[in-house]
PDB file of N, CA and C in Angstrom:
ATOM      1  N   MET A   1      20.291 -12.626  -1.576  1.00  0.00           N
ATOM      2  CA  MET A   1      21.808 -11.971  -3.296  1.00  0.00           C
ATOM      3  C   MET A   1      22.108 -10.861  -1.602  1.00  0.00           C
ATOM      4  N   THR A   2      23.202 -11.245  -1.461  1.00  0.00           N
ATOM      5  CA  THR A   2      23.736  -9.948  -0.803  1.00  0.00           C
ATOM      6  C   THR A   2      24.299  -8.683  -1.895  1.00  0.00           C
ATOM      7  N   GLY A   3      24.271  -7.770  -0.569  1.00  0.00           N
ATOM      8  CA  GLY A   3      24.401  -6.168  -1.526  1.00  0.00           C
ATOM      9  C   GLY A   3      26.942  -6.199  -1.934  1.00  0.00           C
ATOM     10  N   ARG A   4      27.176  -7.191  -2.014  1.00  0.00           N
ATOM     11  CA  ARG A   4      28.327  -7.128  -1.706  1.00  0.00           C
ATOM     12  C   ARG A   4      28.148  -6.025  -3.029  1.00  0.00           C
ATOM     13  N   ALA A   5      28.401  -6.495  -4.094  1.00  0.00           N
ATOM     14  CA  ALA A   5      29.261  -5.418  -5.078  1.00  0.00           C
ATOM     15  C   ALA A   5      28.573  -4.285  -5.259  1.00  0.00           C
ATOM     16  N   GLU A   6      27.029  -3.726  -5.106  1.00  0.00           N
ATOM     17  CA  GLU A   6      27.621  -2.894  -3.673  1.00  0.00           C
ATOM     18  C   GLU A   6      27.912  -1.751  -3.275  1.00  0.00           C
ATOM     19  N   GLY A   7      28.348  -3.007  -1.853  1.00  0.00           N
ATOM     20  CA  GLY A   7      28.989  -2.798  -1.183  1.00  0.00           C
ATOM     21  C   GLY A   7      30.646  -2.395  -1.333  1.00  0.00           C
ATOM     22  N   ASP A   8      30.782  -2.716  -1.722  1.00  0.00           N
ATOM     23  CA  ASP A   8      32.120  -2.769  -2.808  1.00  0.00           C
ATOM     24  C   ASP A   8      32.707  -0.868  -3.549  1.00  0.00           C
ATOM     25  N   VAL A   9      30.948  -0.561  -4.438  1.00  0.00           N
ATOM     26  CA  VAL A   9      31.724   0.235  -5.145  1.00  0.00           C
ATOM     27  C   VAL A   9      30.917   1.913  -3.849  1.00  0.00           C
ATOM     28  N   LEU A  10      30.301   1.309  -2.407  1.00  0.00           N
ATOM     29  CA  LEU A  10      30.165   2.485  -1.643  1.00  0.00           C
ATOM     30  C   LEU A  10      31.941   2.476  -0.855  1.00  0.00           C
ATOM     31  N   ARG A  11      32.612   1.174  -0.681  1.00  0.00           N
ATOM     32  CA  ARG A  11      33.889   1.386  -0.253  1.00  0.00           C
ATOM     33  C   ARG A  11      35.186   2.283  -0.934  1.00  0.00           C
ATOM     34  N   ALA A  12      35.094   1.529  -2.443  1.00  0.00           N
ATOM     35  CA  ALA A  12      35.429   2.773  -3.297  1.00  0.00           C
ATOM     36  C   ALA A  12      35.085   3.901  -3.326  1.00  0.00           C
ATOM     37  N   TRP A  13      34.368   4.318  -3.404  1.00  0.00           N
ATOM     38  CA  TRP A  13      33.856   6.202  -3.126  1.00  0.00           C
ATOM     39  C   TRP A  13      34.377   6.164  -2.531  1.00  0.00           C
ATOM     40  N   ARG A  14      34.582   5.713  -0.993  1.00  0.00           N
ATOM     41  CA  ARG A  14      34.358   6.326   0.194  1.00  0.00           C
ATOM     42  C   ARG A  14      36.011   6.180   0.559  1.00  0.00           C
ATOM     43  N   GLU A  15      36.554   5.431  -0.103  1.00  0.00           N
ATOM     44  CA  GLU A  15      37.850   5.620  -0.186  1.00  0.00           C
ATOM     45  C   GLU A  15      39.054   6.603  -1.073  1.00  0.00           C
ATOM     46  N   GLN A  16      38.381   6.596  -2.026  1.00  0.00           N
ATOM     47  CA  GLN A  16      38.800   8.039  -2.439  1.00  0.00           C
ATOM     48  C   GLN A  16      38.643   9.797  -2.249  1.00  0.00           C
ATOM     49  N   LYS A  17      37.422   9.661  -1.692  1.00  0.00           N
ATOM     50  CA  LYS A  17      37.434  10.760  -0.197  1.00  0.00           C
ATOM     51  C   LYS A  17      38.436  10.776   0.525  1.00  0.00           C
ATOM     52  N   GLY A  18      38.882   9.485   0.837  1.00  0.00           N
ATOM     53  CA  GLY A  18      39.814   9.269   2.161  1.00  0.00           C
ATOM     54  C   GLY A  18      39.307   9.135   3.686  1.00  0.00           C
ATOM     55  N   LEU A  19      37.787   8.981   3.531  1.00  0.00           N
ATOM     56  CA  LEU A  19      37.343   8.600   5.363  1.00  0.00           C
ATOM     57  C   LEU A  19      37.434   7.711   5.668  1.00  0.00           C
ATOM     58  N   THR A  20      36.941   7.596   6.628  1.00  0.00           N
ATOM     59  CA  THR A  20      36.846   6.453   7.199  1.00  0.00           C
ATOM     60  C   THR A  20      35.477   6.149   7.631  1.00  0.00           C
ATOM     61  N   GLN A  21      34.822   4.688   7.707  1.00  0.00           N
ATOM     62  CA  GLN A  21      33.170   4.600   8.023  1.00  0.00           C
ATOM     63  C   GLN A  21      32.922   5.759   9.156  1.00  0.00           C
ATOM     64  N   LYS A  22      33.309   6.319  10.353  1.00  0.00           N
ATOM     65  CA  LYS A  22      33.028   6.586  11.093  1.00  0.00           C
ATOM     66  C   LYS A  22      33.080   8.341  10.563  1.00  0.00           C
ATOM     67  N   ASP A  23      33.786   8.040   9.471  1.00  0.00           N
ATOM     68  CA  ASP A  23      33.696   9.674   9.366  1.00  0.00           C
ATOM     69  C   ASP A  23      33.013  10.098   8.348  1.00  0.00           C
ATOM     70  N   LEU A  24      32.055   9.153   7.361  1.00  0.00           N
ATOM     71  CA  LEU A  24      30.983   9.360   6.242  1.00  0.00           C
ATOM     72  C   LEU A  24      29.814   9.077   7.401  1.00  0.00           C
ATOM     73  N   ALA A  25      29.877   8.162   7.667  1.00  0.00           N
ATOM     74  CA  ALA A  25      29.190   8.426   9.212  1.00  0.00           C
ATOM     75  C   ALA A  25      28.302   9.493   9.710  1.00  0.00           C
ATOM     76  N   SER A  26      29.364   9.624  10.084  1.00  0.00           N
ATOM     77  CA  SER A  26      29.477  11.505  10.944  1.00  0.00           C
ATOM     78  C   SER A  26      28.144  12.359   9.927  1.00  0.00           C
ATOM     79  N   LYS A  27      29.297  12.023   8.644  1.00  0.00           N
ATOM     80  CA  LYS A  27      28.771  13.717   7.597  1.00  0.00           C
ATOM     81  C   LYS A  27      27.346  13.005   6.864  1.00  0.00           C
ATOM     82  N   ALA A  28      27.024  11.725   7.211  1.00  0.00           N
ATOM     83  CA  ALA A  28      25.592  11.453   6.405  1.00  0.00           C
ATOM     84  C   ALA A  28      25.074  11.481   7.675  1.00  0.00           C
ATOM     85  N   GLY A  29      25.057  11.567   8.960  1.00  0.00           N
ATOM     86  CA  GLY A  29      24.210  11.470   9.746  1.00  0.00           C
ATOM     87  C   GLY A  29      23.553   9.590   9.722  1.00  0.00           C
ATOM     88  N   ILE A  30      24.247   9.010   9.344  1.00  0.00           N
ATOM     89  CA  ILE A  30      24.292   7.770   9.415  1.00  0.00           C
ATOM     90  C   ILE A  30      25.026   6.804  11.035  1.00  0.00           C
ATOM     91  N   HIS A  31      24.678   5.553  11.208  1.00  0.00           N
ATOM     92  CA  HIS A  31      25.523   5.419  12.547  1.00  0.00           C
ATOM     93  C   HIS A  31      26.513   4.758  11.956  1.00  0.00           C
ATOM     94  N   PHE A  32      28.552   4.390  12.239  1.00  0.00           N
ATOM     95  CA  PHE A  32      28.387   4.187  11.348  1.00  0.00           C
ATOM     96  C   PHE A  32      28.885   1.913  10.920  1.00  0.00           C
ATOM     97  N   SER A  33      28.118   1.757  12.009  1.00  0.00           N
ATOM     98  CA  SER A  33      27.911   0.336  12.171  1.00  0.00           C
ATOM     99  C   SER A  33      26.769  -0.512  10.914  1.00  0.00           C
ATOM    100  N   SER A  34      25.690   0.918  10.130  1.00  0.00           N
ATOM    101  CA  SER A  34      25.276   1.041   8.969  1.00  0.00           C
ATOM    102  C   SER A  34      26.547   1.154   8.351  1.00  0.00           C
ATOM    103  N   ILE A  35      26.971   1.861   7.855  1.00  0.00           N
ATOM    104  CA  ILE A  35      28.368   1.903   7.138  1.00  0.00           C
ATOM    105  C   ILE A  35      29.192   0.876   6.780  1.00  0.00           C
ATOM    106  N   GLY A  36      29.481   0.085   7.920  1.00  0.00           N
ATOM    107  CA  GLY A  36      29.886  -1.603   7.292  1.00  0.00           C
ATOM    108  C   GLY A  36      29.159  -2.155   7.081  1.00  0.00           C
ATOM    109  N   ALA A  37      28.091  -2.295   7.746  1.00  0.00           N
ATOM    110  CA  ALA A  37      27.130  -3.537   6.822  1.00  0.00           C
ATOM    111  C   ALA A  37      26.542  -3.173   5.497  1.00  0.00           C
ATOM    112  N   TYR A  38      26.458  -1.839   5.368  1.00  0.00           N
ATOM    113  CA  TYR A  38      26.764  -1.511   3.892  1.00  0.00           C
ATOM    114  C   TYR A  38      27.611  -1.888   2.903  1.00  0.00           C
ATOM    115  N   GLU A  39      28.719  -1.895   4.035  1.00  0.00           N
ATOM    116  CA  GLU A  39      29.892  -2.263   2.881  1.00  0.00           C
ATOM    117  C   GLU A  39      30.077  -3.814   2.654  1.00  0.00           C
ATOM    118  N   ARG A  40      30.038  -4.558   4.199  1.00  0.00           N
ATOM    119  CA  ARG A  40      30.464  -5.888   3.299  1.00  0.00           C
ATOM    120  C   ARG A  40      29.029  -6.866   2.958  1.00  0.00           C
ATOM    121  N   GLY A  41      28.192  -6.051   2.272  1.00  0.00           N
ATOM    122  CA  GLY A  41      27.123  -6.278   1.942  1.00  0.00           C
ATOM    123  C   GLY A  41      25.684  -7.403   2.929  1.00  0.00           C
ATOM    124  N   LYS A  42      25.938  -7.036   4.062  1.00  0.00           N
ATOM    125  CA  LYS A  42      25.243  -7.435   5.239  1.00  0.00           C
ATOM    126  C   LYS A  42      23.707  -6.389   4.844  1.00  0.00           C
ATOM    127  N   ARG A  43      24.061  -5.481   4.644  1.00  0.00           N
ATOM    128  CA  ARG A  43      22.528  -4.910   4.404  1.00  0.00           C
ATOM    129  C   ARG A  43      22.781  -3.888   3.389  1.00  0.00           C
ATOM    130  N   ARG A  44      21.932  -3.241   2.808  1.00  0.00           N
ATOM    131  CA  ARG A  44      21.325  -2.045   1.851  1.00  0.00           C
ATOM    132  C   ARG A  44      20.411  -0.942   2.115  1.00  0.00           C
ATOM    133  N   ALA A  45      21.465  -0.246   1.457  1.00  0.00           N
ATOM    134  CA  ALA A  45      21.193   1.210   2.056  1.00  0.00           C
ATOM    135  C   ALA A  45      19.416   1.420   0.978  1.00  0.00           C
ATOM    136  N   GLY A  46      18.611   1.722   2.071  1.00  0.00           N
ATOM    137  CA  GLY A  46      17.242   2.648   1.206  1.00  0.00           C
ATOM    138  C   GLY A  46      18.110   4.258   0.760  1.00  0.00           C
ATOM    139  N   ASP A  47      16.862   4.690  -0.009  1.00  0.00           N
ATOM    140  CA  ASP A  47      16.735   5.749  -1.187  1.00  0.00           C
ATOM    141  C   ASP A  47      17.297   6.657   0.039  1.00  0.00           C
ATOM    142  N   SER A  48      17.261   6.935   0.579  1.00  0.00           N
ATOM    143  CA  SER A  48      16.619   7.946   1.702  1.00  0.00           C
ATOM    144  C   SER A  48      18.609   8.247   1.999  1.00  0.00           C
ATOM    145  N   GLU A  49      19.557   6.796   2.710  1.00  0.00           N
ATOM    146  CA  GLU A  49      20.194   7.016   3.131  1.00  0.00           C
ATOM    147  C   GLU A  49      21.524   7.052   2.069  1.00  0.00           C
ATOM    148  N   LEU A  50      21.709   6.251   1.360  1.00  0.00           N
ATOM    149  CA  LEU A  50      21.524   7.010  -0.462  1.00  0.00           C
ATOM    150  C   LEU A  50      21.710   8.447  -1.050  1.00  0.00           C
ATOM    151  N   ALA A  51      21.282   8.736  -0.805  1.00  0.00           N
ATOM    152  CA  ALA A  51      20.693  10.367  -0.940  1.00  0.00           C
ATOM    153  C   ALA A  51      22.101  10.940   0.096  1.00  0.00           C
ATOM    154  N   ARG A  52      22.007  10.727   1.165  1.00  0.00           N
ATOM    155  CA  ARG A  52      22.826  11.224   2.435  1.00  0.00           C
ATOM    156  C   ARG A  52      24.127  10.673   2.212  1.00  0.00           C
ATOM    157  N   ILE A  53      25.058   9.235   2.060  1.00  0.00           N
ATOM    158  CA  ILE A  53      25.544   8.957   1.448  1.00  0.00           C
ATOM    159  C   ILE A  53      26.228   9.893  -0.030  1.00  0.00           C
ATOM    160  N   CYS A  54      25.892  10.150  -0.979  1.00  0.00           N
ATOM    161  CA  CYS A  54      25.714  10.836  -1.831  1.00  0.00           C
ATOM    162  C   CYS A  54      26.233  12.329  -1.848  1.00  0.00           C
ATOM    163  N   ALA A  55      26.052  12.882  -0.915  1.00  0.00           N
ATOM    164  CA  ALA A  55      25.758  14.459   0.297  1.00  0.00           C
ATOM    165  C   ALA A  55      27.101  14.645   0.963  1.00  0.00           C
ATOM    166  N   ALA A  56      27.305  13.451   1.677  1.00  0.00           N
ATOM    167  CA  ALA A  56      28.042  13.165   2.357  1.00  0.00           C
ATOM    168  C   ALA A  56      29.622  13.473   1.614  1.00  0.00           C
ATOM    169  N   LEU A  57      29.857  12.417   0.527  1.00  0.00           N
ATOM    170  CA  LEU A  57      30.939  11.771  -0.466  1.00  0.00           C
ATOM    171  C   LEU A  57      30.886  12.977  -1.607  1.00  0.00           C
ATOM    172  N   ASP A  58      29.891  13.892  -1.205  1.00  0.00           N
ATOM    173  CA  ASP A  58      29.875  14.691  -2.792  1.00  0.00           C
ATOM    174  C   ASP A  58      29.897  14.086  -4.041  1.00  0.00           C
ATOM    175  N   VAL A  59      28.849  13.484  -4.110  1.00  0.00           N
ATOM    176  CA  VAL A  59      28.636  12.450  -5.834  1.00  0.00           C
ATOM    177  C   VAL A  59      27.681  12.864  -6.344  1.00  0.00           C
ATOM    178  N   GLU A  60      27.160  12.892  -7.077  1.00  0.00           N
ATOM    179  CA  GLU A  60      26.114  13.022  -7.324  1.00  0.00           C
ATOM    180  C   GLU A  60      25.313  11.690  -7.510  1.00  0.00           C
ATOM    181  N   PRO A  61      23.603  11.441  -6.728  1.00  0.00           N
ATOM    182  CA  PRO A  61      23.571  10.000  -7.462  1.00  0.00           C
ATOM    183  C   PRO A  61      23.506   9.098  -8.527  1.00  0.00           C
ATOM    184  N   PHE A  62      23.334  10.085  -9.550  1.00  0.00           N
ATOM    185  CA  PHE A  62      23.894   9.546 -10.648  1.00  0.00           C
ATOM    186  C   PHE A  62      24.433   8.033 -10.847  1.00  0.00           C
ATOM    187  N   ARG A  63      26.043   9.134 -10.535  1.00  0.00           N
ATOM    188  CA  ARG A  63      26.777   8.624 -10.326  1.00  0.00           C
ATOM    189  C   ARG A  63      27.170   7.518  -9.310  1.00  0.00           C
ATOM    190  N   LEU A  64      27.133   7.285  -8.518  1.00  0.00           N
ATOM    191  CA  LEU A  64      26.946   6.381  -7.699  1.00  0.00           C
ATOM    192  C   LEU A  64      25.671   5.186  -8.365  1.00  0.00           C
ATOM    193  N   CYS A  65      24.724   5.747  -8.487  1.00  0.00           N
ATOM    194  CA  CYS A  65      24.243   5.144  -9.215  1.00  0.00           C
ATOM    195  C   CYS A  65      24.151   4.080 -10.676  1.00  0.00           C
ATOM    196  N   LEU A  66      25.064   4.536 -11.663  1.00  0.00           N
ATOM    197  CA  LEU A  66      26.217   4.364 -12.473  1.00  0.00           C
ATOM    198  C   LEU A  66      26.715   3.627 -12.200  1.00  0.00           C
ATOM    199  N   ASP A  67      27.476   3.495 -11.050  1.00  0.00           N
ATOM    200  CA  ASP A  67      28.600   2.396 -10.558  1.00  0.00           C
ATOM    201  C   ASP A  67      28.672   1.566 -10.029  1.00  0.00           C
ATOM    202  N   LEU A  68      27.238   1.540  -9.432  1.00  0.00           N
ATOM    203  CA  LEU A  68      26.138   0.591  -8.370  1.00  0.00           C
ATOM    204  C   LEU A  68      25.557  -0.375  -9.992  1.00  0.00           C
ATOM    205  N   ALA A  69      25.250   0.062 -11.066  1.00  0.00           N
ATOM    206  CA  ALA A  69      24.715  -0.569 -12.104  1.00  0.00           C
ATOM    207  C   ALA A  69      25.315  -1.281 -13.014  1.00  0.00           C
ATOM    208  N   ARG A  70      27.217  -1.014 -12.831  1.00  0.00           N
ATOM    209  CA  ARG A  70      27.788  -1.412 -13.394  1.00  0.00           C
ATOM    210  C   ARG A  70      28.706  -3.114 -12.876  1.00  0.00           C
ATOM    211  N   ALA A  71      28.469  -2.468 -11.114  1.00  0.00           N
ATOM    212  CA  ALA A  71      28.820  -3.349 -10.365  1.00  0.00           C
ATOM    213  C   ALA A  71      27.966  -4.543 -10.444  1.00  0.00           C
ATOM    214  N   ARG A  72      26.840  -4.559 -10.697  1.00  0.00           N
ATOM    215  CA  ARG A  72      25.703  -5.650 -10.877  1.00  0.00           C
ATOM    216  C   ARG A  72      25.764  -6.460 -11.801  1.00  0.00           C
ATOM    217  N   ALA A  73      26.069  -5.656 -13.547  1.00  0.00           N
ATOM    218  CA  ALA A  73      26.280  -5.331 -14.954  1.00  0.00           C
ATOM    219  C   ALA A  73      26.781  -6.805 -14.422  1.00  0.00           C
ATOM    220  N   ASP A  74      28.067  -7.572 -14.166  1.00  0.00           N
ATOM    221  CA  ASP A  74      28.767  -8.497 -13.984  1.00  0.00           C
ATOM    222  C   ASP A  74      27.909  -9.852 -13.757  1.00  0.00           C
ATOM    223  N   GLN A  75      26.911  -9.176 -12.705  1.00  0.00           N
ATOM    224  CA  GLN A  75      26.084 -10.409 -12.271  1.00  0.00           C
ATOM    225  C   GLN A  75      24.919 -10.942 -12.750  1.00  0.00           C
ATOM    226  N   LEU A  76      24.451  -9.726 -13.698  1.00  0.00           N
ATOM    227  CA  LEU A  76      22.818  -9.836 -14.506  1.00  0.00           C
ATOM    228  C   LEU A  76      23.261 -10.600 -15.697  1.00  0.00           C
ATOM    229  N   GLU A  77      24.222 -10.595 -16.031  1.00  0.00           N
ATOM    230  CA  GLU A  77      24.258 -11.454 -17.303  1.00  0.00           C
ATOM    231  C   GLU A  77      23.947 -13.065 -17.583  1.00  0.00           C
ATOM    232  N   PRO A  78      24.644 -13.465 -15.967  1.00  0.00           N
ATOM    233  CA  PRO A  78      25.078 -15.116 -15.454  1.00  0.00           C
ATOM    234  C   PRO A  78      23.306 -15.737 -15.792  1.00  0.00           C
ATOM    235  N   MET A  79      22.126 -15.107 -14.742  1.00  0.00           N
ATOM    236  CA  MET A  79      21.145 -14.902 -14.081  1.00  0.00           C
ATOM    237  C   MET A  79      20.400 -15.001 -15.494  1.00  0.00           C
ATOM    238  N   VAL A  80      21.115 -13.589 -16.404  1.00  0.00           N
ATOM    239  CA  VAL A  80      19.777 -13.735 -17.863  1.00  0.00           C
ATOM    240  C   VAL A  80      19.923 -15.253 -18.379  1.00  0.00           C
ATOM    241  N   ALA A  81      21.002 -15.769 -18.697  1.00  0.00           N
ATOM    242  CA  ALA A  81      21.588 -16.785 -19.305  1.00  0.00           C
ATOM    243  C   ALA A  81      20.655 -17.630 -18.223  1.00  0.00           C
ATOM    244  N   GLU A  82      21.060 -17.674 -17.142  1.00  0.00           N
ATOM    245  CA  GLU A  82      20.267 -19.007 -15.831  1.00  0.00           C
ATOM    246  C   GLU A  82      18.521 -19.489 -17.032  1.00  0.00           C
ATOM    247  N   VAL A  83      17.739 -17.589 -16.759  1.00  0.00           N
ATOM    248  CA  VAL A  83      16.753 -18.271 -17.549  1.00  0.00           C
ATOM    249  C   VAL A  83      16.496 -18.037 -18.198  1.00  0.00           C
ATOM    250  N   ARG A  84      17.182 -18.129 -19.998  1.00  0.00           N
ATOM    251  CA  ARG A  84      16.512 -18.758 -20.869  1.00  0.00           C
ATOM    252  C   ARG A  84      17.070 -19.616 -21.165  1.00  0.00           C
ATOM    253  N   SER A  85      17.834 -20.530 -20.004  1.00  0.00           N
ATOM    254  CA  SER A  85      17.659 -21.695 -20.067  1.00  0.00           C
ATOM    255  C   SER A  85      16.863 -23.237 -19.820  1.00  0.00           C
ATOM    256  N   LYS A  86      16.143 -22.133 -18.638  1.00  0.00           N
ATOM    257  CA  LYS A  86      14.933 -22.826 -18.060  1.00  0.00           C
ATOM    258  C   LYS A  86      13.835 -22.242 -18.615  1.00  0.00           C
ATOM    259  N   SER A  87      13.529 -22.078 -20.169  1.00  0.00           N
ATOM    260  CA  SER A  87      12.385 -21.664 -20.276  1.00  0.00           C
ATOM    261  C   SER A  87      12.214 -22.552 -20.651  1.00  0.00           C
ATOM    262  N   GLY A  88      11.174 -23.011 -20.132  1.00  0.00           N
ATOM    263  CA  GLY A  88      10.061 -24.823 -20.477  1.00  0.00           C
ATOM    264  C   GLY A  88      10.235 -25.195 -19.490  1.00  0.00           C
ATOM    265  N   GLN A  89      11.234 -25.273 -18.402  1.00  0.00           N
ATOM    266  CA  GLN A  89      11.893 -26.214 -16.964  1.00  0.00           C
ATOM    267  C   GLN A  89      11.384 -25.785 -15.877  1.00  0.00           C
ATOM    268  N   ALA A  90      11.148 -25.866 -15.161  1.00  0.00           N
ATOM    269  CA  ALA A  90      11.125 -25.980 -13.903  1.00  0.00           C
ATOM    270  C   ALA A  90      11.755 -24.009 -13.234  1.00  0.00           C
ATOM    271  N   PRO A  91      10.600 -23.420 -12.712  1.00  0.00           N
ATOM    272  CA  PRO A  91      10.643 -21.624 -12.639  1.00  0.00           C
ATOM    273  C   PRO A  91      11.769 -21.999 -11.937  1.00  0.00           C
ATOM    274  N   LEU A  92      12.983 -20.699 -11.922  1.00  0.00           N
ATOM    275  CA  LEU A  92      13.463 -20.553 -10.781  1.00  0.00           C
ATOM    276  C   LEU A  92      13.086 -20.466  -8.820  1.00  0.00           C
ATOM    277  N   SER A  93      14.398 -20.752  -8.367  1.00  0.00           N
ATOM    278  CA  SER A  93      13.602 -20.370  -7.445  1.00  0.00           C
ATOM    279  C   SER A  93      13.648 -18.815  -6.790  1.00  0.00           C
ATOM    280  N   ASP A  94      12.717 -18.919  -5.988  1.00  0.00           N
ATOM    281  CA  ASP A  94      12.462 -17.381  -5.514  1.00  0.00           C
ATOM    282  C   ASP A  94      13.606 -16.155  -5.174  1.00  0.00           C
ATOM    283  N   GLY A  95      14.521 -17.134  -4.751  1.00  0.00           N
ATOM    284  CA  GLY A  95      15.727 -16.548  -3.895  1.00  0.00           C
ATOM    285  C   GLY A  95      16.789 -15.836  -5.914  1.00  0.00           C
ATOM    286  N   ARG A  96      16.831 -17.122  -6.607  1.00  0.00           N
ATOM    287  CA  ARG A  96      17.746 -16.067  -7.557  1.00  0.00           C
ATOM    288  C   ARG A  96      16.427 -15.571  -8.455  1.00  0.00           C
ATOM    289  N   LEU A  97      14.884 -15.525  -8.515  1.00  0.00           N
ATOM    290  CA  LEU A  97      14.635 -14.393  -9.080  1.00  0.00           C
ATOM    291  C   LEU A  97      14.338 -13.006  -8.564  1.00  0.00           C
ATOM    292  N   ALA A  98      14.183 -12.812  -7.096  1.00  0.00           N
ATOM    293  CA  ALA A  98      14.486 -11.724  -6.590  1.00  0.00           C
ATOM    294  C   ALA A  98      16.152 -11.437  -6.999  1.00  0.00           C
ATOM    295  N   GLU A  99      16.724 -11.762  -7.183  1.00  0.00           N
ATOM    296  CA  GLU A  99      18.330 -11.694  -7.644  1.00  0.00           C
ATOM    297  C   GLU A  99      17.967 -10.687  -8.932  1.00  0.00           C
ATOM    298  N   LEU A 100      17.637 -11.076  -9.797  1.00  0.00           N
ATOM    299  CA  LEU A 100      17.008 -10.819 -11.079  1.00  0.00           C
ATOM    300  C   LEU A 100      16.808  -9.589 -10.937  1.00  0.00           C
ATOM    301  N   GLU A 101      16.157  -9.736 -10.232  1.00  0.00           N
ATOM    302  CA  GLU A 101      14.972  -8.222  -9.933  1.00  0.00           C
ATOM    303  C   GLU A 101      15.812  -7.369  -9.432  1.00  0.00           C
ATOM    304  N   TRP A 102      16.402  -7.107  -8.252  1.00  0.00           N
ATOM    305  CA  TRP A 102      17.444  -6.534  -7.929  1.00  0.00           C
ATOM    306  C   TRP A 102      18.404  -5.848  -8.678  1.00  0.00           C
ATOM    307  N   ALA A 103      18.693  -7.064 -10.036  1.00  0.00           N
ATOM    308  CA  ALA A 103      20.239  -6.078 -10.543  1.00  0.00           C
ATOM    309  C   ALA A 103      19.348  -5.816 -11.825  1.00  0.00           C
ATOM    310  N   CYS A 104      18.032  -5.811 -11.899  1.00  0.00           N
ATOM    311  CA  CYS A 104      16.988  -4.927 -13.462  1.00  0.00           C
ATOM    312  C   CYS A 104      16.836  -3.564 -12.467  1.00  0.00           C
ATOM    313  N   GLY A 105      16.517  -3.839 -11.101  1.00  0.00           N
ATOM    314  CA  GLY A 105      16.033  -2.459 -10.534  1.00  0.00           C
ATOM    315  C   GLY A 105      17.248  -1.781 -10.065  1.00  0.00           C
ATOM    316  N   ILE A 106      18.493  -1.928 -10.192  1.00  0.00           N
ATOM    317  CA  ILE A 106      19.545  -1.817  -9.912  1.00  0.00           C
ATOM    318  C   ILE A 106      19.803  -0.682 -11.241  1.00  0.00           C
ATOM    319  N   VAL A 107      20.382  -1.728 -12.509  1.00  0.00           N
ATOM    320  CA  VAL A 107      20.250  -0.902 -13.679  1.00  0.00           C
ATOM    321  C   VAL A 107      19.096   0.670 -14.108  1.00  0.00           C
ATOM    322  N   LEU A 108      17.922  -0.036 -14.295  1.00  0.00           N
ATOM    323  CA  LEU A 108      16.875   1.189 -14.100  1.00  0.00           C
ATOM    324  C   LEU A 108      16.866   1.832 -13.344  1.00  0.00           C
ATOM    325  N   HIS A 109      17.230   1.515 -11.852  1.00  0.00           N
ATOM    326  CA  HIS A 109      16.734   3.827 -11.011  1.00  0.00           C
ATOM    327  C   HIS A 109      18.633   4.264 -11.451  1.00  0.00           C
ATOM    328  N   ALA A 110      19.529   3.326 -11.916  1.00  0.00           N
ATOM    329  CA  ALA A 110      20.596   4.042 -12.469  1.00  0.00           C
ATOM    330  C   ALA A 110      20.287   4.993 -13.854  1.00  0.00           C
ATOM    331  N   LEU A 111      19.441   4.256 -14.999  1.00  0.00           N
ATOM    332  CA  LEU A 111      19.358   5.415 -15.541  1.00  0.00           C
ATOM    333  C   LEU A 111      18.371   5.926 -15.283  1.00  0.00           C
ATOM    334  N   GLN A 112      17.186   6.062 -14.329  1.00  0.00           N
ATOM    335  CA  GLN A 112      15.990   6.757 -13.901  1.00  0.00           C
ATOM    336  C   GLN A 112      17.128   8.539 -13.628  1.00  0.00           C
ATOM    337  N   GLU A 113      18.080   8.143 -12.977  1.00  0.00           N
ATOM    338  CA  GLU A 113      18.655   9.142 -12.192  1.00  0.00           C
ATOM    339  C   GLU A 113      19.550  10.079 -13.303  1.00  0.00           C
ATOM    340  N   ILE A 114      19.790   9.214 -13.771  1.00  0.00           N
ATOM    341  CA  ILE A 114      20.704  10.161 -15.025  1.00  0.00           C
ATOM    342  C   ILE A 114      19.976  10.878 -16.004  1.00  0.00           C
ATOM    343  N   ILE A 115      18.919  10.143 -16.692  1.00  0.00           N
ATOM    344  CA  ILE A 115      17.472  11.494 -16.644  1.00  0.00           C
ATOM    345  C   ILE A 115      16.917  12.483 -16.102  1.00  0.00           C
ATOM    346  N   ILE A 116      17.104  12.033 -14.476  1.00  0.00           N
ATOM    347  CA  ILE A 116      16.701  13.501 -13.781  1.00  0.00           C
ATOM    348  C   ILE A 116      18.172  14.371 -13.951  1.00  0.00           C
ATOM    349  N   TYR A 117      19.299  14.062 -14.270  1.00  0.00           N
ATOM    350  CA  TYR A 117      20.146  14.505 -13.380  1.00  0.00           C
ATOM    351  C   TYR A 117      20.116  15.472 -14.527  1.00  0.00           C
ATOM    352  N   PHE A 118      20.305  14.910 -15.894  1.00  0.00           N
ATOM    353  CA  PHE A 118      20.304  16.154 -17.381  1.00  0.00           C
ATOM    354  C   PHE A 118      18.966  16.393 -17.846  1.00  0.00           C
ATOM    355  N   VAL A 119      18.102  16.080 -17.278  1.00  0.00           N
ATOM    356  CA  VAL A 119      17.166  17.211 -17.322  1.00  0.00           C
ATOM    357  C   VAL A 119      16.805  18.342 -16.749  1.00  0.00           C
ATOM    358  N   ALA A 120      17.354  17.855 -15.095  1.00  0.00           N
ATOM    359  CA  ALA A 120      17.418  19.213 -14.867  1.00  0.00           C
ATOM    360  C   ALA A 120      18.279  20.164 -14.690  1.00  0.00           C
ATOM    361  N   ARG A 121      19.968  19.143 -15.365  1.00  0.00           N
ATOM    362  CA  ARG A 121      20.757  20.729 -16.196  1.00  0.00           C
ATOM    363  C   ARG A 121      20.245  20.991 -16.769  1.00  0.00           C
ATOM    364  N   ARG A 122      19.608  20.573 -17.725  1.00  0.00           N
ATOM    365  CA  ARG A 122      18.914  21.307 -19.150  1.00  0.00           C
ATOM    366  C   ARG A 122      17.875  22.996 -18.677  1.00  0.00           C
ATOM    367  N   ARG A 123      17.188  22.554 -17.690  1.00  0.00           N
ATOM    368  CA  ARG A 123      16.606  24.031 -16.852  1.00  0.00           C
ATOM    369  C   ARG A 123      17.367  25.210 -16.261  1.00  0.00           C
TER     370      ARG A 123
END
């Protein structure tokens, strides 16, 4: 699976802030070709890259993670339906299983970021 949905979210945030890929890359300390690859879904940003991108965009990480989870939600339901339909049949291919795990991971990560954010605000 490509990270196209994630890339679309990153592009939307960057454009909302009025930045070019080069501007964002410079502010985040990431090579501009990496920003382009993330936005096209050719590569996925790791946690440290996402943290630097969030800082450069002046966006709370939980907000970006929530948008990423929303972007993946549209693709998650068909995968869950596929798993249900194959109960007792041949297992999912490794690629489809990896997609389902990735989508669930995005949702879980978003929830964790939201909890961390609100716990920190209560202190």
